[in-house]
Amino acid sequence: MSEEATQTAETAAQAEPESEEVSYQAVEKEGEVTAIWEMQGQKHLRTIHPKSNEGKQILALFETAG
């Protein structure tokens, strides 16, 4: 495989996961949300604390939608 083809394949592989939607998963323990996972497909992007400003905003969206 040429160097140019390798770079193109690497670029395509990097761009592919970005096409998947970002979703949020609440992690619960004993009925209480202990963490919020930001996911892109099967990839864990980051963990958000549920008591942070961002965590409260995300949880409020789920409470009004549910």
N, C-alpha and C. Protein backbone atom coordinates (compact mmCIF):
# COMPACT_ATOMS: atom_id res chain seq x y z
N MET A 1 0.85 -1.18 0.00
CA MET A 1 0.00 0.00 0.00
C MET A 1 0.89 1.24 0.00
N SER A 2 0.56 2.19 -0.84
CA SER A 2 1.38 3.40 -0.92
C SER A 2 1.15 4.26 0.31
N GLU A 3 2.07 5.18 0.54
CA GLU A 3 1.95 6.07 1.69
C GLU A 3 0.68 6.91 1.58
N GLU A 4 0.37 7.36 0.37
CA GLU A 4 -0.82 8.19 0.17
C GLU A 4 -2.09 7.40 0.49
N ALA A 5 -2.15 6.15 0.06
CA ALA A 5 -3.32 5.30 0.33
C ALA A 5 -3.44 5.03 1.83
N THR A 6 -2.32 4.85 2.50
CA THR A 6 -2.34 4.62 3.94
C THR A 6 -2.89 5.84 4.66
N GLN A 7 -2.45 7.03 4.28
CA GLN A 7 -2.94 8.26 4.90
C GLN A 7 -4.44 8.42 4.65
N THR A 8 -4.90 8.10 3.45
CA THR A 8 -6.32 8.21 3.12
C THR A 8 -7.13 7.23 3.98
N ALA A 9 -6.66 6.01 4.15
CA ALA A 9 -7.34 5.02 4.96
C ALA A 9 -7.39 5.46 6.42
N GLU A 10 -6.30 6.02 6.92
CA GLU A 10 -6.27 6.50 8.30
C GLU A 10 -7.24 7.65 8.49
N THR A 11 -7.31 8.57 7.52
CA THR A 11 -8.22 9.69 7.60
C THR A 11 -9.66 9.20 7.59
N ALA A 12 -9.98 8.24 6.75
CA ALA A 12 -11.33 7.69 6.69
C ALA A 12 -11.69 7.00 8.00
N ALA A 13 -10.76 6.29 8.58
CA ALA A 13 -11.01 5.59 9.85
C ALA A 13 -11.25 6.59 10.97
N GLN A 14 -10.54 7.71 10.95
CA GLN A 14 -10.72 8.72 11.97
C GLN A 14 -12.06 9.44 11.79
N ALA A 15 -12.49 9.67 10.56
CA ALA A 15 -13.72 10.39 10.29
C ALA A 15 -14.95 9.53 10.54
N GLU A 16 -14.84 8.22 10.40
CA GLU A 16 -15.99 7.33 10.51
C GLU A 16 -16.71 7.42 11.86
N PRO A 17 -16.02 7.35 13.00
CA PRO A 17 -16.73 7.41 14.27
C PRO A 17 -17.45 8.74 14.49
N GLU A 18 -16.95 9.81 13.90
CA GLU A 18 -17.56 11.12 14.07
C GLU A 18 -18.95 11.18 13.46
N SER A 19 -19.26 10.28 12.52
CA SER A 19 -20.57 10.30 11.88
C SER A 19 -21.64 9.72 12.80
N GLU A 20 -21.25 9.02 13.86
CA GLU A 20 -22.22 8.45 14.80
C GLU A 20 -22.67 9.53 15.78
N GLU A 21 -23.94 9.42 16.18
CA GLU A 21 -24.51 10.38 17.10
C GLU A 21 -23.90 10.28 18.49
N VAL A 22 -23.84 11.40 19.16
CA VAL A 22 -23.42 11.42 20.55
C VAL A 22 -24.66 11.18 21.40
N SER A 23 -24.54 10.28 22.37
CA SER A 23 -25.65 9.99 23.26
C SER A 23 -25.15 10.03 24.70
N TYR A 24 -26.11 10.01 25.63
CA TYR A 24 -25.77 10.07 27.04
C TYR A 24 -26.41 8.89 27.75
N GLN A 25 -25.67 8.29 28.67
CA GLN A 25 -26.17 7.17 29.45
C GLN A 25 -26.01 7.50 30.93
N ALA A 26 -27.09 7.38 31.66
CA ALA A 26 -27.04 7.61 33.10
C ALA A 26 -26.58 6.32 33.78
N VAL A 27 -25.63 6.45 34.67
CA VAL A 27 -25.15 5.31 35.46
C VAL A 27 -25.78 5.45 36.83
N GLU A 28 -26.54 4.43 37.22
CA GLU A 28 -27.25 4.49 38.49
C GLU A 28 -26.71 3.47 39.49
N LYS A 29 -26.75 3.85 40.75
CA LYS A 29 -26.40 2.94 41.84
C LYS A 29 -27.41 3.19 42.95
N GLU A 30 -28.10 2.14 43.34
CA GLU A 30 -29.13 2.23 44.39
C GLU A 30 -30.16 3.31 44.07
N GLY A 31 -30.56 3.39 42.79
CA GLY A 31 -31.60 4.33 42.36
C GLY A 31 -31.17 5.77 42.19
N GLU A 32 -29.89 6.05 42.34
CA GLU A 32 -29.38 7.41 42.21
C GLU A 32 -28.38 7.49 41.07
N VAL A 33 -28.47 8.54 40.26
CA VAL A 33 -27.54 8.73 39.15
C VAL A 33 -26.19 9.13 39.74
N THR A 34 -25.17 8.33 39.45
CA THR A 34 -23.84 8.60 39.99
C THR A 34 -22.89 9.16 38.93
N ALA A 35 -23.25 8.99 37.66
CA ALA A 35 -22.41 9.49 36.57
C ALA A 35 -23.24 9.54 35.30
N ILE A 36 -22.80 10.35 34.36
CA ILE A 36 -23.41 10.40 33.03
C ILE A 36 -22.28 10.16 32.04
N TRP A 37 -22.48 9.15 31.19
CA TRP A 37 -21.47 8.84 30.18
C TRP A 37 -21.86 9.46 28.86
N GLU A 38 -20.94 10.20 28.26
CA GLU A 38 -21.13 10.73 26.91
C GLU A 38 -20.52 9.70 25.96
N MET A 39 -21.35 9.18 25.07
CA MET A 39 -20.95 8.09 24.18
C MET A 39 -21.10 8.52 22.72
N GLN A 40 -20.24 7.97 21.89
CA GLN A 40 -20.37 8.12 20.44
C GLN A 40 -20.31 6.71 19.87
N GLY A 41 -21.50 6.17 19.56
CA GLY A 41 -21.59 4.76 19.20
C GLY A 41 -21.22 3.94 20.43
N GLN A 42 -20.25 3.06 20.31
CA GLN A 42 -19.79 2.23 21.43
C GLN A 42 -18.61 2.86 22.17
N LYS A 43 -18.15 4.03 21.71
CA LYS A 43 -16.96 4.65 22.29
C LYS A 43 -17.35 5.62 23.42
N HIS A 44 -16.73 5.44 24.57
CA HIS A 44 -16.93 6.33 25.72
C HIS A 44 -16.07 7.57 25.52
N LEU A 45 -16.72 8.74 25.43
CA LEU A 45 -15.97 9.97 25.22
C LEU A 45 -15.53 10.60 26.54
N ARG A 46 -16.46 10.70 27.49
CA ARG A 46 -16.11 11.29 28.78
C ARG A 46 -17.21 10.99 29.79
N THR A 47 -16.89 11.23 31.04
CA THR A 47 -17.84 11.06 32.14
C THR A 47 -18.18 12.44 32.69
N ILE A 48 -19.46 12.68 32.88
CA ILE A 48 -19.93 13.97 33.40
C ILE A 48 -20.52 13.73 34.78
N HIS A 49 -20.15 14.55 35.73
CA HIS A 49 -20.68 14.43 37.09
C HIS A 49 -22.13 14.94 37.09
N PRO A 50 -23.06 14.17 37.64
CA PRO A 50 -24.48 14.56 37.59
C PRO A 50 -24.80 15.84 38.38
N LYS A 51 -23.95 16.22 39.32
CA LYS A 51 -24.21 17.44 40.09
C LYS A 51 -23.52 18.68 39.51
N SER A 52 -22.76 18.49 38.43
CA SER A 52 -22.15 19.64 37.77
C SER A 52 -23.24 20.39 37.00
N ASN A 53 -22.96 21.61 36.59
CA ASN A 53 -23.94 22.39 35.83
C ASN A 53 -24.36 21.64 34.56
N GLU A 54 -23.38 21.11 33.85
CA GLU A 54 -23.68 20.37 32.62
C GLU A 54 -24.49 19.11 32.91
N GLY A 55 -24.14 18.41 33.96
CA GLY A 55 -24.86 17.20 34.35
C GLY A 55 -26.31 17.50 34.69
N LYS A 56 -26.54 18.59 35.42
CA LYS A 56 -27.90 18.99 35.78
C LYS A 56 -28.72 19.33 34.53
N GLN A 57 -28.09 20.01 33.56
CA GLN A 57 -28.78 20.35 32.32
C GLN A 57 -29.18 19.10 31.54
N ILE A 58 -28.27 18.13 31.46
CA ILE A 58 -28.56 16.88 30.74
C ILE A 58 -29.67 16.12 31.44
N LEU A 59 -29.60 16.00 32.75
CA LEU A 59 -30.64 15.28 33.49
C LEU A 59 -31.99 15.98 33.37
N ALA A 60 -32.00 17.30 33.36
CA ALA A 60 -33.26 18.04 33.21
C ALA A 60 -33.90 17.74 31.86
N LEU A 61 -33.10 17.58 30.82
CA LEU A 61 -33.65 17.24 29.50
C LEU A 61 -34.32 15.88 29.52
N PHE A 62 -33.72 14.93 30.20
CA PHE A 62 -34.29 13.58 30.27
C PHE A 62 -35.56 13.56 31.12
N GLU A 63 -35.59 14.35 32.20
CA GLU A 63 -36.75 14.38 33.08
C GLU A 63 -37.96 14.98 32.39
N THR A 64 -37.76 16.01 31.56
CA THR A 64 -38.88 16.64 30.86
C THR A 64 -39.34 15.81 29.68
N ALA A 65 -38.42 15.03 29.08
CA ALA A 65 -38.76 14.19 27.93
C ALA A 65 -39.46 12.92 28.36
N GLY A 66 -39.19 12.44 29.56
CA GLY A 66 -39.71 11.16 30.04
C GLY A 66 -41.04 11.31 30.63
